[in-house]
Amino acid sequence: MQISSETTNEALFLSIEGQINGNNATNLEARLRAHVDQASYRIALDFSGVDYISSAGLRVVLWLAKQLQDHAGALALYGLRQNVLEIFDMCGFVDILTIVENRETALEKIRPA
C-alpha cells in the first residue's frame, strides 16, 4: 500500500494505492493519526487505487470518521472501485460515510458551511 498526500487551503487529500489489509492497516492508521494530530480535520480519501479493503481497513476508516466528527471536521471518500464499494455497502458503511464519485464533489461535501 502506498499513500500520497496533497494539502490545499481547504482540505487534505490522501490517495491510497493497493490493498488495505491486516498487514498494513496500522500503517494507514498511524499516517492518518499524524494528520489529525496536526489539526487536519477536513480529509478526502481517494480510493481509486484501492483494489481491496479488509475489516481492519474498514475499522481505520471508521476511526478516522469518528475522530474528524469529534473535531467538527469532515471526511469524504471518492473514486471507489465497484468491488470496494460493494464491501462498504455490505457492511452498511455507505449509509454512515460520505462516499462520492470524484474529488470535486468530495471537496464540496467537506467544505465548512
PDB file of N, CA and C in Angstrom:
ATOM      1  N   MET A   1       0.844  -1.168   0.000  1.00  0.00           N
ATOM      2  CA  MET A   1       0.000   0.000   0.000  1.00  0.00           C
ATOM      3  C   MET A   1       0.893   1.236   0.000  1.00  0.00           C
ATOM      4  N   GLN A   2       0.511   2.192  -0.815  1.00  0.00           N
ATOM      5  CA  GLN A   2       1.226   3.460  -0.882  1.00  0.00           C
ATOM      6  C   GLN A   2       0.232   4.586  -0.635  1.00  0.00           C
ATOM      7  N   ILE A   3       0.685   5.619   0.050  1.00  0.00           N
ATOM      8  CA  ILE A   3      -0.165   6.762   0.353  1.00  0.00           C
ATOM      9  C   ILE A   3       0.559   8.025  -0.076  1.00  0.00           C
ATOM     10  N   SER A   4      -0.129   8.861  -0.831  1.00  0.00           N
ATOM     11  CA  SER A   4       0.417  10.173  -1.163  1.00  0.00           C
ATOM     12  C   SER A   4      -0.572  11.221  -0.682  1.00  0.00           C
ATOM     13  N   SER A   5      -0.062  12.400  -0.376  1.00  0.00           N
ATOM     14  CA  SER A   5      -0.926  13.434   0.170  1.00  0.00           C
ATOM     15  C   SER A   5      -0.737  14.759  -0.542  1.00  0.00           C
ATOM     16  N   GLU A   6      -1.783  15.543  -0.518  1.00  0.00           N
ATOM     17  CA  GLU A   6      -1.771  16.897  -1.056  1.00  0.00           C
ATOM     18  C   GLU A   6      -2.607  17.749  -0.120  1.00  0.00           C
ATOM     19  N   THR A   7      -2.023  18.834   0.336  1.00  0.00           N
ATOM     20  CA  THR A   7      -2.733  19.741   1.217  1.00  0.00           C
ATOM     21  C   THR A   7      -3.071  21.013   0.449  1.00  0.00           C
ATOM     22  N   THR A   8      -4.323  21.417   0.542  1.00  0.00           N
ATOM     23  CA  THR A   8      -4.761  22.684  -0.031  1.00  0.00           C
ATOM     24  C   THR A   8      -5.248  23.565   1.109  1.00  0.00           C
ATOM     25  N   ASN A   9      -5.676  24.773   0.787  1.00  0.00           N
ATOM     26  CA  ASN A   9      -6.219  25.660   1.818  1.00  0.00           C
ATOM     27  C   ASN A   9      -7.496  25.100   2.414  1.00  0.00           C
ATOM     28  N   GLU A  10      -8.182  24.251   1.660  1.00  0.00           N
ATOM     29  CA  GLU A  10      -9.492  23.773   2.082  1.00  0.00           C
ATOM     30  C   GLU A  10      -9.506  22.379   2.681  1.00  0.00           C
ATOM     31  N   ALA A  11      -8.529  21.533   2.306  1.00  0.00           N
ATOM     32  CA  ALA A  11      -8.609  20.144   2.753  1.00  0.00           C
ATOM     33  C   ALA A  11      -7.279  19.423   2.553  1.00  0.00           C
ATOM     34  N   LEU A  12      -7.222  18.244   3.159  1.00  0.00           N
ATOM     35  CA  LEU A  12      -6.129  17.313   2.939  1.00  0.00           C
ATOM     36  C   LEU A  12      -6.661  16.197   2.052  1.00  0.00           C
ATOM     37  N   PHE A  13      -5.966  15.932   0.963  1.00  0.00           N
ATOM     38  CA  PHE A  13      -6.339  14.853   0.055  1.00  0.00           C
ATOM     39  C   PHE A  13      -5.299  13.755   0.178  1.00  0.00           C
ATOM     40  N   LEU A  14      -5.762  12.548   0.453  1.00  0.00           N
ATOM     41  CA  LEU A  14      -4.872  11.395   0.539  1.00  0.00           C
ATOM     42  C   LEU A  14      -5.270  10.391  -0.530  1.00  0.00           C
ATOM     43  N   SER A  15      -4.315   9.992  -1.336  1.00  0.00           N
ATOM     44  CA  SER A  15      -4.535   8.970  -2.353  1.00  0.00           C
ATOM     45  C   SER A  15      -3.900   7.678  -1.876  1.00  0.00           C
ATOM     46  N   ILE A  16      -4.683   6.615  -1.893  1.00  0.00           N
ATOM     47  CA  ILE A  16      -4.213   5.314  -1.422  1.00  0.00           C
ATOM     48  C   ILE A  16      -4.145   4.371  -2.613  1.00  0.00           C
ATOM     49  N   GLU A  17      -3.041   3.644  -2.717  1.00  0.00           N
ATOM     50  CA  GLU A  17      -2.833   2.686  -3.809  1.00  0.00           C
ATOM     51  C   GLU A  17      -2.599   1.300  -3.222  1.00  0.00           C
ATOM     52  N   GLY A  18      -3.228   0.298  -3.811  1.00  0.00           N
ATOM     53  CA  GLY A  18      -3.001  -1.085  -3.407  1.00  0.00           C
ATOM     54  C   GLY A  18      -4.092  -1.608  -2.504  1.00  0.00           C
ATOM     55  N   GLN A  19      -3.722  -2.571  -1.680  1.00  0.00           N
ATOM     56  CA  GLN A  19      -4.669  -3.196  -0.767  1.00  0.00           C
ATOM     57  C   GLN A  19      -4.538  -2.595   0.627  1.00  0.00           C
ATOM     58  N   ILE A  20      -5.673  -2.484   1.310  1.00  0.00           N
ATOM     59  CA  ILE A  20      -5.674  -2.100   2.721  1.00  0.00           C
ATOM     60  C   ILE A  20      -6.106  -3.355   3.474  1.00  0.00           C
ATOM     61  N   ASN A  21      -5.158  -3.944   4.181  1.00  0.00           N
ATOM     62  CA  ASN A  21      -5.434  -5.224   4.835  1.00  0.00           C
ATOM     63  C   ASN A  21      -4.843  -5.261   6.238  1.00  0.00           C
ATOM     64  N   GLY A  22      -4.954  -6.391   6.879  1.00  0.00           N
ATOM     65  CA  GLY A  22      -4.469  -6.549   8.240  1.00  0.00           C
ATOM     66  C   GLY A  22      -2.976  -6.306   8.390  1.00  0.00           C
ATOM     67  N   ASN A  23      -2.223  -6.485   7.325  1.00  0.00           N
ATOM     68  CA  ASN A  23      -0.774  -6.285   7.387  1.00  0.00           C
ATOM     69  C   ASN A  23      -0.373  -4.817   7.361  1.00  0.00           C
ATOM     70  N   ASN A  24      -1.212  -3.954   6.771  1.00  0.00           N
ATOM     71  CA  ASN A  24      -0.805  -2.565   6.641  1.00  0.00           C
ATOM     72  C   ASN A  24      -1.802  -1.547   7.197  1.00  0.00           C
ATOM     73  N   ALA A  25      -2.906  -2.009   7.738  1.00  0.00           N
ATOM     74  CA  ALA A  25      -3.913  -1.083   8.274  1.00  0.00           C
ATOM     75  C   ALA A  25      -3.343  -0.226   9.407  1.00  0.00           C
ATOM     76  N   THR A  26      -2.464  -0.783  10.214  1.00  0.00           N
ATOM     77  CA  THR A  26      -1.879   0.009  11.302  1.00  0.00           C
ATOM     78  C   THR A  26      -1.003   1.127  10.750  1.00  0.00           C
ATOM     79  N   ASN A  27      -0.344   0.881   9.614  1.00  0.00           N
ATOM     80  CA  ASN A  27       0.452   1.936   8.982  1.00  0.00           C
ATOM     81  C   ASN A  27      -0.446   3.060   8.489  1.00  0.00           C
ATOM     82  N   LEU A  28      -1.575   2.698   7.898  1.00  0.00           N
ATOM     83  CA  LEU A  28      -2.534   3.693   7.437  1.00  0.00           C
ATOM     84  C   LEU A  28      -3.061   4.489   8.624  1.00  0.00           C
ATOM     85  N   GLU A  29      -3.413   3.802   9.693  1.00  0.00           N
ATOM     86  CA  GLU A  29      -3.926   4.500  10.876  1.00  0.00           C
ATOM     87  C   GLU A  29      -2.884   5.456  11.438  1.00  0.00           C
ATOM     88  N   ALA A  30      -1.636   5.043  11.492  1.00  0.00           N
ATOM     89  CA  ALA A  30      -0.576   5.909  12.013  1.00  0.00           C
ATOM     90  C   ALA A  30      -0.434   7.160  11.152  1.00  0.00           C
ATOM     91  N   ARG A  31      -0.499   7.000   9.861  1.00  0.00           N
ATOM     92  CA  ARG A  31      -0.396   8.144   8.941  1.00  0.00           C
ATOM     93  C   ARG A  31      -1.585   9.091   9.131  1.00  0.00           C
ATOM     94  N   LEU A  32      -2.774   8.530   9.243  1.00  0.00           N
ATOM     95  CA  LEU A  32      -3.966   9.354   9.445  1.00  0.00           C
ATOM     96  C   LEU A  32      -3.933  10.033  10.810  1.00  0.00           C
ATOM     97  N   ARG A  33      -3.492   9.311  11.822  1.00  0.00           N
ATOM     98  CA  ARG A  33      -3.388   9.875  13.175  1.00  0.00           C
ATOM     99  C   ARG A  33      -2.453  11.079  13.184  1.00  0.00           C
ATOM    100  N   ALA A  34      -1.352  10.985  12.459  1.00  0.00           N
ATOM    101  CA  ALA A  34      -0.406  12.106  12.390  1.00  0.00           C
ATOM    102  C   ALA A  34      -1.068  13.339  11.780  1.00  0.00           C
ATOM    103  N   HIS A  35      -1.870  13.140  10.757  1.00  0.00           N
ATOM    104  CA  HIS A  35      -2.574  14.271  10.142  1.00  0.00           C
ATOM    105  C   HIS A  35      -3.604  14.859  11.095  1.00  0.00           C
ATOM    106  N   VAL A  36      -4.359  14.016  11.775  1.00  0.00           N
ATOM    107  CA  VAL A  36      -5.357  14.508  12.727  1.00  0.00           C
ATOM    108  C   VAL A  36      -4.659  15.245  13.872  1.00  0.00           C
ATOM    109  N   ASP A  37      -3.543  14.724  14.336  1.00  0.00           N
ATOM    110  CA  ASP A  37      -2.790  15.372  15.409  1.00  0.00           C
ATOM    111  C   ASP A  37      -2.281  16.750  14.992  1.00  0.00           C
ATOM    112  N   GLN A  38      -2.110  16.958  13.678  1.00  0.00           N
ATOM    113  CA  GLN A  38      -1.667  18.256  13.148  1.00  0.00           C
ATOM    114  C   GLN A  38      -2.856  19.130  12.760  1.00  0.00           C
ATOM    115  N   ALA A  39      -4.028  18.782  13.256  1.00  0.00           N
ATOM    116  CA  ALA A  39      -5.269  19.545  13.054  1.00  0.00           C
ATOM    117  C   ALA A  39      -5.754  19.539  11.613  1.00  0.00           C
ATOM    118  N   SER A  40      -5.544  18.457  10.899  1.00  0.00           N
ATOM    119  CA  SER A  40      -6.159  18.275   9.587  1.00  0.00           C
ATOM    120  C   SER A  40      -7.509  17.609   9.824  1.00  0.00           C
ATOM    121  N   TYR A  41      -8.567  18.421   9.803  1.00  0.00           N
ATOM    122  CA  TYR A  41      -9.893  17.915  10.138  1.00  0.00           C
ATOM    123  C   TYR A  41     -10.834  17.837   8.943  1.00  0.00           C
ATOM    124  N   ARG A  42     -10.373  18.188   7.771  1.00  0.00           N
ATOM    125  CA  ARG A  42     -11.159  18.072   6.544  1.00  0.00           C
ATOM    126  C   ARG A  42     -10.323  17.222   5.593  1.00  0.00           C
ATOM    127  N   ILE A  43     -10.740  15.962   5.459  1.00  0.00           N
ATOM    128  CA  ILE A  43      -9.937  14.986   4.726  1.00  0.00           C
ATOM    129  C   ILE A  43     -10.777  14.299   3.661  1.00  0.00           C
ATOM    130  N   ALA A  44     -10.192  14.179   2.474  1.00  0.00           N
ATOM    131  CA  ALA A  44     -10.798  13.419   1.380  1.00  0.00           C
ATOM    132  C   ALA A  44      -9.851  12.279   1.040  1.00  0.00           C
ATOM    133  N   LEU A  45     -10.378  11.072   1.007  1.00  0.00           N
ATOM    134  CA  LEU A  45      -9.589   9.887   0.687  1.00  0.00           C
ATOM    135  C   LEU A  45      -9.905   9.437  -0.731  1.00  0.00           C
ATOM    136  N   ASP A  46      -8.887   9.395  -1.566  1.00  0.00           N
ATOM    137  CA  ASP A  46      -9.026   8.920  -2.946  1.00  0.00           C
ATOM    138  C   ASP A  46      -8.787   7.415  -2.939  1.00  0.00           C
ATOM    139  N   PHE A  47      -9.851   6.664  -3.167  1.00  0.00           N
ATOM    140  CA  PHE A  47      -9.797   5.208  -3.156  1.00  0.00           C
ATOM    141  C   PHE A  47      -9.686   4.621  -4.561  1.00  0.00           C
ATOM    142  N   SER A  48      -9.433   5.448  -5.571  1.00  0.00           N
ATOM    143  CA  SER A  48      -9.414   4.934  -6.949  1.00  0.00           C
ATOM    144  C   SER A  48      -8.318   3.903  -7.175  1.00  0.00           C
ATOM    145  N   GLY A  49      -7.281   3.924  -6.354  1.00  0.00           N
ATOM    146  CA  GLY A  49      -6.205   2.955  -6.488  1.00  0.00           C
ATOM    147  C   GLY A  49      -6.304   1.778  -5.545  1.00  0.00           C
ATOM    148  N   VAL A  50      -7.381   1.709  -4.774  1.00  0.00           N
ATOM    149  CA  VAL A  50      -7.552   0.623  -3.802  1.00  0.00           C
ATOM    150  C   VAL A  50      -8.345  -0.508  -4.449  1.00  0.00           C
ATOM    151  N   ASP A  51      -7.737  -1.696  -4.473  1.00  0.00           N
ATOM    152  CA  ASP A  51      -8.435  -2.835  -5.082  1.00  0.00           C
ATOM    153  C   ASP A  51      -8.977  -3.826  -4.057  1.00  0.00           C
ATOM    154  N   TYR A  52      -8.694  -3.584  -2.753  1.00  0.00           N
ATOM    155  CA  TYR A  52      -9.208  -4.467  -1.707  1.00  0.00           C
ATOM    156  C   TYR A  52      -9.118  -3.738  -0.378  1.00  0.00           C
ATOM    157  N   ILE A  53     -10.112  -3.930   0.479  1.00  0.00           N
ATOM    158  CA  ILE A  53     -10.060  -3.428   1.849  1.00  0.00           C
ATOM    159  C   ILE A  53     -10.611  -4.509   2.772  1.00  0.00           C
ATOM    160  N   SER A  54      -9.867  -4.790   3.824  1.00  0.00           N
ATOM    161  CA  SER A  54     -10.279  -5.806   4.796  1.00  0.00           C
ATOM    162  C   SER A  54     -11.029  -5.140   5.939  1.00  0.00           C
ATOM    163  N   SER A  55     -11.492  -5.960   6.869  1.00  0.00           N
ATOM    164  CA  SER A  55     -12.179  -5.420   8.042  1.00  0.00           C
ATOM    165  C   SER A  55     -11.255  -4.508   8.851  1.00  0.00           C
ATOM    166  N   ALA A  56      -9.964  -4.815   8.870  1.00  0.00           N
ATOM    167  CA  ALA A  56      -9.006  -3.951   9.573  1.00  0.00           C
ATOM    168  C   ALA A  56      -8.948  -2.574   8.911  1.00  0.00           C
ATOM    169  N   GLY A  57      -8.996  -2.544   7.592  1.00  0.00           N
ATOM    170  CA  GLY A  57      -9.016  -1.270   6.872  1.00  0.00           C
ATOM    171  C   GLY A  57     -10.299  -0.509   7.095  1.00  0.00           C
ATOM    172  N   LEU A  58     -11.411  -1.224   7.125  1.00  0.00           N
ATOM    173  CA  LEU A  58     -12.693  -0.585   7.396  1.00  0.00           C
ATOM    174  C   LEU A  58     -12.705   0.041   8.787  1.00  0.00           C
ATOM    175  N   ARG A  59     -12.113  -0.644   9.732  1.00  0.00           N
ATOM    176  CA  ARG A  59     -12.032  -0.122  11.099  1.00  0.00           C
ATOM    177  C   ARG A  59     -11.263   1.197  11.123  1.00  0.00           C
ATOM    178  N   VAL A  60     -10.184   1.289  10.352  1.00  0.00           N
ATOM    179  CA  VAL A  60      -9.388   2.519  10.295  1.00  0.00           C
ATOM    180  C   VAL A  60     -10.208   3.662   9.703  1.00  0.00           C
ATOM    181  N   VAL A  61     -10.965   3.386   8.659  1.00  0.00           N
ATOM    182  CA  VAL A  61     -11.799   4.426   8.046  1.00  0.00           C
ATOM    183  C   VAL A  61     -12.848   4.913   9.043  1.00  0.00           C
ATOM    184  N   LEU A  62     -13.463   3.996   9.769  1.00  0.00           N
ATOM    185  CA  LEU A  62     -14.446   4.392  10.782  1.00  0.00           C
ATOM    186  C   LEU A  62     -13.807   5.185  11.913  1.00  0.00           C
ATOM    187  N   TRP A  63     -12.621   4.765  12.320  1.00  0.00           N
ATOM    188  CA  TRP A  63     -11.894   5.504  13.351  1.00  0.00           C
ATOM    189  C   TRP A  63     -11.658   6.934  12.889  1.00  0.00           C
ATOM    190  N   LEU A  64     -11.206   7.105  11.652  1.00  0.00           N
ATOM    191  CA  LEU A  64     -10.942   8.442  11.129  1.00  0.00           C
ATOM    192  C   LEU A  64     -12.219   9.278  11.094  1.00  0.00           C
ATOM    193  N   ALA A  65     -13.307   8.694  10.626  1.00  0.00           N
ATOM    194  CA  ALA A  65     -14.574   9.418  10.567  1.00  0.00           C
ATOM    195  C   ALA A  65     -14.977   9.905  11.956  1.00  0.00           C
ATOM    196  N   LYS A  66     -14.813   9.065  12.958  1.00  0.00           N
ATOM    197  CA  LYS A  66     -15.156   9.434  14.332  1.00  0.00           C
ATOM    198  C   LYS A  66     -14.253  10.555  14.839  1.00  0.00           C
ATOM    199  N   GLN A  67     -12.958  10.450  14.580  1.00  0.00           N
ATOM    200  CA  GLN A  67     -12.027  11.490  15.015  1.00  0.00           C
ATOM    201  C   GLN A  67     -12.383  12.838  14.403  1.00  0.00           C
ATOM    202  N   LEU A  68     -12.668  12.843  13.126  1.00  0.00           N
ATOM    203  CA  LEU A  68     -12.997  14.089  12.445  1.00  0.00           C
ATOM    204  C   LEU A  68     -14.317  14.655  12.941  1.00  0.00           C
ATOM    205  N   GLN A  69     -15.276  13.788  13.181  1.00  0.00           N
ATOM    206  CA  GLN A  69     -16.565  14.228  13.715  1.00  0.00           C
ATOM    207  C   GLN A  69     -16.375  14.872  15.094  1.00  0.00           C
ATOM    208  N   ASP A  70     -15.525  14.272  15.913  1.00  0.00           N
ATOM    209  CA  ASP A  70     -15.261  14.804  17.253  1.00  0.00           C
ATOM    210  C   ASP A  70     -14.622  16.191  17.207  1.00  0.00           C
ATOM    211  N   HIS A  71     -13.960  16.523  16.099  1.00  0.00           N
ATOM    212  CA  HIS A  71     -13.304  17.827  15.937  1.00  0.00           C
ATOM    213  C   HIS A  71     -14.084  18.741  14.993  1.00  0.00           C
ATOM    214  N   ALA A  72     -15.350  18.431  14.783  1.00  0.00           N
ATOM    215  CA  ALA A  72     -16.217  19.211  13.880  1.00  0.00           C
ATOM    216  C   ALA A  72     -15.635  19.284  12.474  1.00  0.00           C
ATOM    217  N   GLY A  73     -14.956  18.218  12.072  1.00  0.00           N
ATOM    218  CA  GLY A  73     -14.389  18.141  10.736  1.00  0.00           C
ATOM    219  C   GLY A  73     -15.280  17.334   9.813  1.00  0.00           C
ATOM    220  N   ALA A  74     -14.690  16.870   8.718  1.00  0.00           N
ATOM    221  CA  ALA A  74     -15.471  16.104   7.748  1.00  0.00           C
ATOM    222  C   ALA A  74     -14.558  15.172   6.965  1.00  0.00           C
ATOM    223  N   LEU A  75     -15.148  14.071   6.529  1.00  0.00           N
ATOM    224  CA  LEU A  75     -14.451  13.058   5.739  1.00  0.00           C
ATOM    225  C   LEU A  75     -15.300  12.709   4.531  1.00  0.00           C
ATOM    226  N   ALA A  76     -14.645  12.583   3.386  1.00  0.00           N
ATOM    227  CA  ALA A  76     -15.314  12.084   2.181  1.00  0.00           C
ATOM    228  C   ALA A  76     -14.386  11.093   1.502  1.00  0.00           C
ATOM    229  N   LEU A  77     -14.961  10.034   0.968  1.00  0.00           N
ATOM    230  CA  LEU A  77     -14.233   9.047   0.192  1.00  0.00           C
ATOM    231  C   LEU A  77     -14.705   9.164  -1.247  1.00  0.00           C
ATOM    232  N   TYR A  78     -13.773   9.046  -2.176  1.00  0.00           N
ATOM    233  CA  TYR A  78     -14.182   9.116  -3.580  1.00  0.00           C
ATOM    234  C   TYR A  78     -13.356   8.160  -4.434  1.00  0.00           C
ATOM    235  N   GLY A  79     -13.918   7.883  -5.618  1.00  0.00           N
ATOM    236  CA  GLY A  79     -13.219   7.035  -6.572  1.00  0.00           C
ATOM    237  C   GLY A  79     -13.228   5.552  -6.233  1.00  0.00           C
ATOM    238  N   LEU A  80     -14.171   5.098  -5.431  1.00  0.00           N
ATOM    239  CA  LEU A  80     -14.183   3.693  -5.046  1.00  0.00           C
ATOM    240  C   LEU A  80     -14.490   2.798  -6.242  1.00  0.00           C
ATOM    241  N   ARG A  81     -13.676   1.780  -6.417  1.00  0.00           N
ATOM    242  CA  ARG A  81     -13.941   0.764  -7.437  1.00  0.00           C
ATOM    243  C   ARG A  81     -15.182  -0.023  -7.026  1.00  0.00           C
ATOM    244  N   GLN A  82     -15.818  -0.632  -7.988  1.00  0.00           N
ATOM    245  CA  GLN A  82     -17.080  -1.337  -7.724  1.00  0.00           C
ATOM    246  C   GLN A  82     -16.935  -2.396  -6.639  1.00  0.00           C
ATOM    247  N   ASN A  83     -15.872  -3.193  -6.690  1.00  0.00           N
ATOM    248  CA  ASN A  83     -15.711  -4.255  -5.697  1.00  0.00           C
ATOM    249  C   ASN A  83     -15.476  -3.703  -4.293  1.00  0.00           C
ATOM    250  N   VAL A  84     -14.792  -2.587  -4.178  1.00  0.00           N
ATOM    251  CA  VAL A  84     -14.561  -1.964  -2.875  1.00  0.00           C
ATOM    252  C   VAL A  84     -15.849  -1.305  -2.386  1.00  0.00           C
ATOM    253  N   LEU A  85     -16.569  -0.658  -3.288  1.00  0.00           N
ATOM    254  CA  LEU A  85     -17.849  -0.057  -2.936  1.00  0.00           C
ATOM    255  C   LEU A  85     -18.819  -1.116  -2.426  1.00  0.00           C
ATOM    256  N   GLU A  86     -18.805  -2.291  -3.032  1.00  0.00           N
ATOM    257  CA  GLU A  86     -19.678  -3.378  -2.585  1.00  0.00           C
ATOM    258  C   GLU A  86     -19.352  -3.802  -1.152  1.00  0.00           C
ATOM    259  N   ILE A  87     -18.084  -3.794  -0.794  1.00  0.00           N
ATOM    260  CA  ILE A  87     -17.695  -4.135   0.578  1.00  0.00           C
ATOM    261  C   ILE A  87     -18.249  -3.091   1.542  1.00  0.00           C
ATOM    262  N   PHE A  88     -18.093  -1.816   1.211  1.00  0.00           N
ATOM    263  CA  PHE A  88     -18.644  -0.752   2.048  1.00  0.00           C
ATOM    264  C   PHE A  88     -20.161  -0.887   2.154  1.00  0.00           C
ATOM    265  N   ASP A  89     -20.801  -1.230   1.047  1.00  0.00           N
ATOM    266  CA  ASP A  89     -22.253  -1.370   1.032  1.00  0.00           C
ATOM    267  C   ASP A  89     -22.705  -2.551   1.893  1.00  0.00           C
ATOM    268  N   MET A  90     -22.046  -3.699   1.755  1.00  0.00           N
ATOM    269  CA  MET A  90     -22.416  -4.887   2.539  1.00  0.00           C
ATOM    270  C   MET A  90     -22.281  -4.642   4.039  1.00  0.00           C
ATOM    271  N   CYS A  91     -21.344  -3.804   4.412  1.00  0.00           N
ATOM    272  CA  CYS A  91     -21.126  -3.512   5.833  1.00  0.00           C
ATOM    273  C   CYS A  91     -22.006  -2.372   6.335  1.00  0.00           C
ATOM    274  N   GLY A  92     -22.775  -1.768   5.445  1.00  0.00           N
ATOM    275  CA  GLY A  92     -23.642  -0.664   5.834  1.00  0.00           C
ATOM    276  C   GLY A  92     -22.937   0.675   5.947  1.00  0.00           C
ATOM    277  N   PHE A  93     -21.699   0.743   5.482  1.00  0.00           N
ATOM    278  CA  PHE A  93     -20.922   1.968   5.618  1.00  0.00           C
ATOM    279  C   PHE A  93     -21.360   3.060   4.648  1.00  0.00           C
ATOM    280  N   VAL A  94     -22.022   2.686   3.557  1.00  0.00           N
ATOM    281  CA  VAL A  94     -22.476   3.712   2.606  1.00  0.00           C
ATOM    282  C   VAL A  94     -23.547   4.590   3.248  1.00  0.00           C
ATOM    283  N   ASP A  95     -24.177   4.101   4.293  1.00  0.00           N
ATOM    284  CA  ASP A  95     -25.207   4.874   4.975  1.00  0.00           C
ATOM    285  C   ASP A  95     -24.637   5.812   6.029  1.00  0.00           C
ATOM    286  N   ILE A  96     -23.408   5.575   6.472  1.00  0.00           N
ATOM    287  CA  ILE A  96     -22.846   6.397   7.546  1.00  0.00           C
ATOM    288  C   ILE A  96     -21.627   7.215   7.125  1.00  0.00           C
ATOM    289  N   LEU A  97     -21.082   6.939   5.950  1.00  0.00           N
ATOM    290  CA  LEU A  97     -19.937   7.691   5.442  1.00  0.00           C
ATOM    291  C   LEU A  97     -20.341   8.477   4.204  1.00  0.00           C
ATOM    292  N   THR A  98     -19.603   9.522   3.918  1.00  0.00           N
ATOM    293  CA  THR A  98     -19.818  10.295   2.701  1.00  0.00           C
ATOM    294  C   THR A  98     -18.956   9.685   1.606  1.00  0.00           C
ATOM    295  N   ILE A  99     -19.608   9.034   0.652  1.00  0.00           N
ATOM    296  CA  ILE A  99     -18.930   8.388  -0.466  1.00  0.00           C
ATOM    297  C   ILE A  99     -19.449   9.030  -1.744  1.00  0.00           C
ATOM    298  N   VAL A 100     -18.540   9.604  -2.518  1.00  0.00           N
ATOM    299  CA  VAL A 100     -18.923  10.332  -3.726  1.00  0.00           C
ATOM    300  C   VAL A 100     -18.079   9.862  -4.908  1.00  0.00           C
ATOM    301  N   GLU A 101     -18.417  10.377  -6.080  1.00  0.00           N
ATOM    302  CA  GLU A 101     -17.765   9.942  -7.316  1.00  0.00           C
ATOM    303  C   GLU A 101     -16.355  10.489  -7.510  1.00  0.00           C
ATOM    304  N   ASN A 102     -16.161  11.793  -7.226  1.00  0.00           N
ATOM    305  CA  ASN A 102     -14.896  12.417  -7.624  1.00  0.00           C
ATOM    306  C   ASN A 102     -14.405  13.430  -6.592  1.00  0.00           C
ATOM    307  N   ARG A 103     -13.215  13.930  -6.837  1.00  0.00           N
ATOM    308  CA  ARG A 103     -12.541  14.859  -5.929  1.00  0.00           C
ATOM    309  C   ARG A 103     -13.338  16.146  -5.735  1.00  0.00           C
ATOM    310  N   GLU A 104     -13.877  16.694  -6.798  1.00  0.00           N
ATOM    311  CA  GLU A 104     -14.612  17.950  -6.719  1.00  0.00           C
ATOM    312  C   GLU A 104     -15.828  17.820  -5.795  1.00  0.00           C
ATOM    313  N   THR A 105     -16.559  16.742  -5.954  1.00  0.00           N
ATOM    314  CA  THR A 105     -17.724  16.516  -5.098  1.00  0.00           C
ATOM    315  C   THR A 105     -17.291  16.256  -3.652  1.00  0.00           C
ATOM    316  N   ALA A 106     -16.189  15.549  -3.478  1.00  0.00           N
ATOM    317  CA  ALA A 106     -15.668  15.310  -2.129  1.00  0.00           C
ATOM    318  C   ALA A 106     -15.354  16.644  -1.447  1.00  0.00           C
ATOM    319  N   LEU A 107     -14.719  17.537  -2.178  1.00  0.00           N
ATOM    320  CA  LEU A 107     -14.386  18.844  -1.605  1.00  0.00           C
ATOM    321  C   LEU A 107     -15.650  19.617  -1.242  1.00  0.00           C
ATOM    322  N   GLU A 108     -16.658  19.568  -2.084  1.00  0.00           N
ATOM    323  CA  GLU A 108     -17.929  20.227  -1.784  1.00  0.00           C
ATOM    324  C   GLU A 108     -18.529  19.683  -0.476  1.00  0.00           C
ATOM    325  N   LYS A 109     -18.422  18.383  -0.261  1.00  0.00           N
ATOM    326  CA  LYS A 109     -19.029  17.744   0.906  1.00  0.00           C
ATOM    327  C   LYS A 109     -18.286  18.048   2.208  1.00  0.00           C
ATOM    328  N   ILE A 110     -16.981  18.300   2.138  1.00  0.00           N
ATOM    329  CA  ILE A 110     -16.219  18.513   3.368  1.00  0.00           C
ATOM    330  C   ILE A 110     -15.932  19.974   3.657  1.00  0.00           C
ATOM    331  N   ARG A 111     -16.280  20.858   2.733  1.00  0.00           N
ATOM    332  CA  ARG A 111     -16.097  22.295   2.966  1.00  0.00           C
ATOM    333  C   ARG A 111     -16.953  22.734   4.157  1.00  0.00           C
ATOM    334  N   PRO A 112     -16.406  23.669   4.959  1.00  0.00           N
ATOM    335  CA  PRO A 112     -17.243  24.183   6.042  1.00  0.00           C
ATOM    336  C   PRO A 112     -18.445  24.944   5.487  1.00  0.00           C
ATOM    337  N   ALA A 113     -19.530  24.910   6.204  1.00  0.00           N
ATOM    338  CA  ALA A 113     -20.768  25.579   5.744  1.00  0.00           C
ATOM    339  C   ALA A 113     -20.653  27.079   5.854  1.00  0.00           C
TER     340      ALA A 113
END
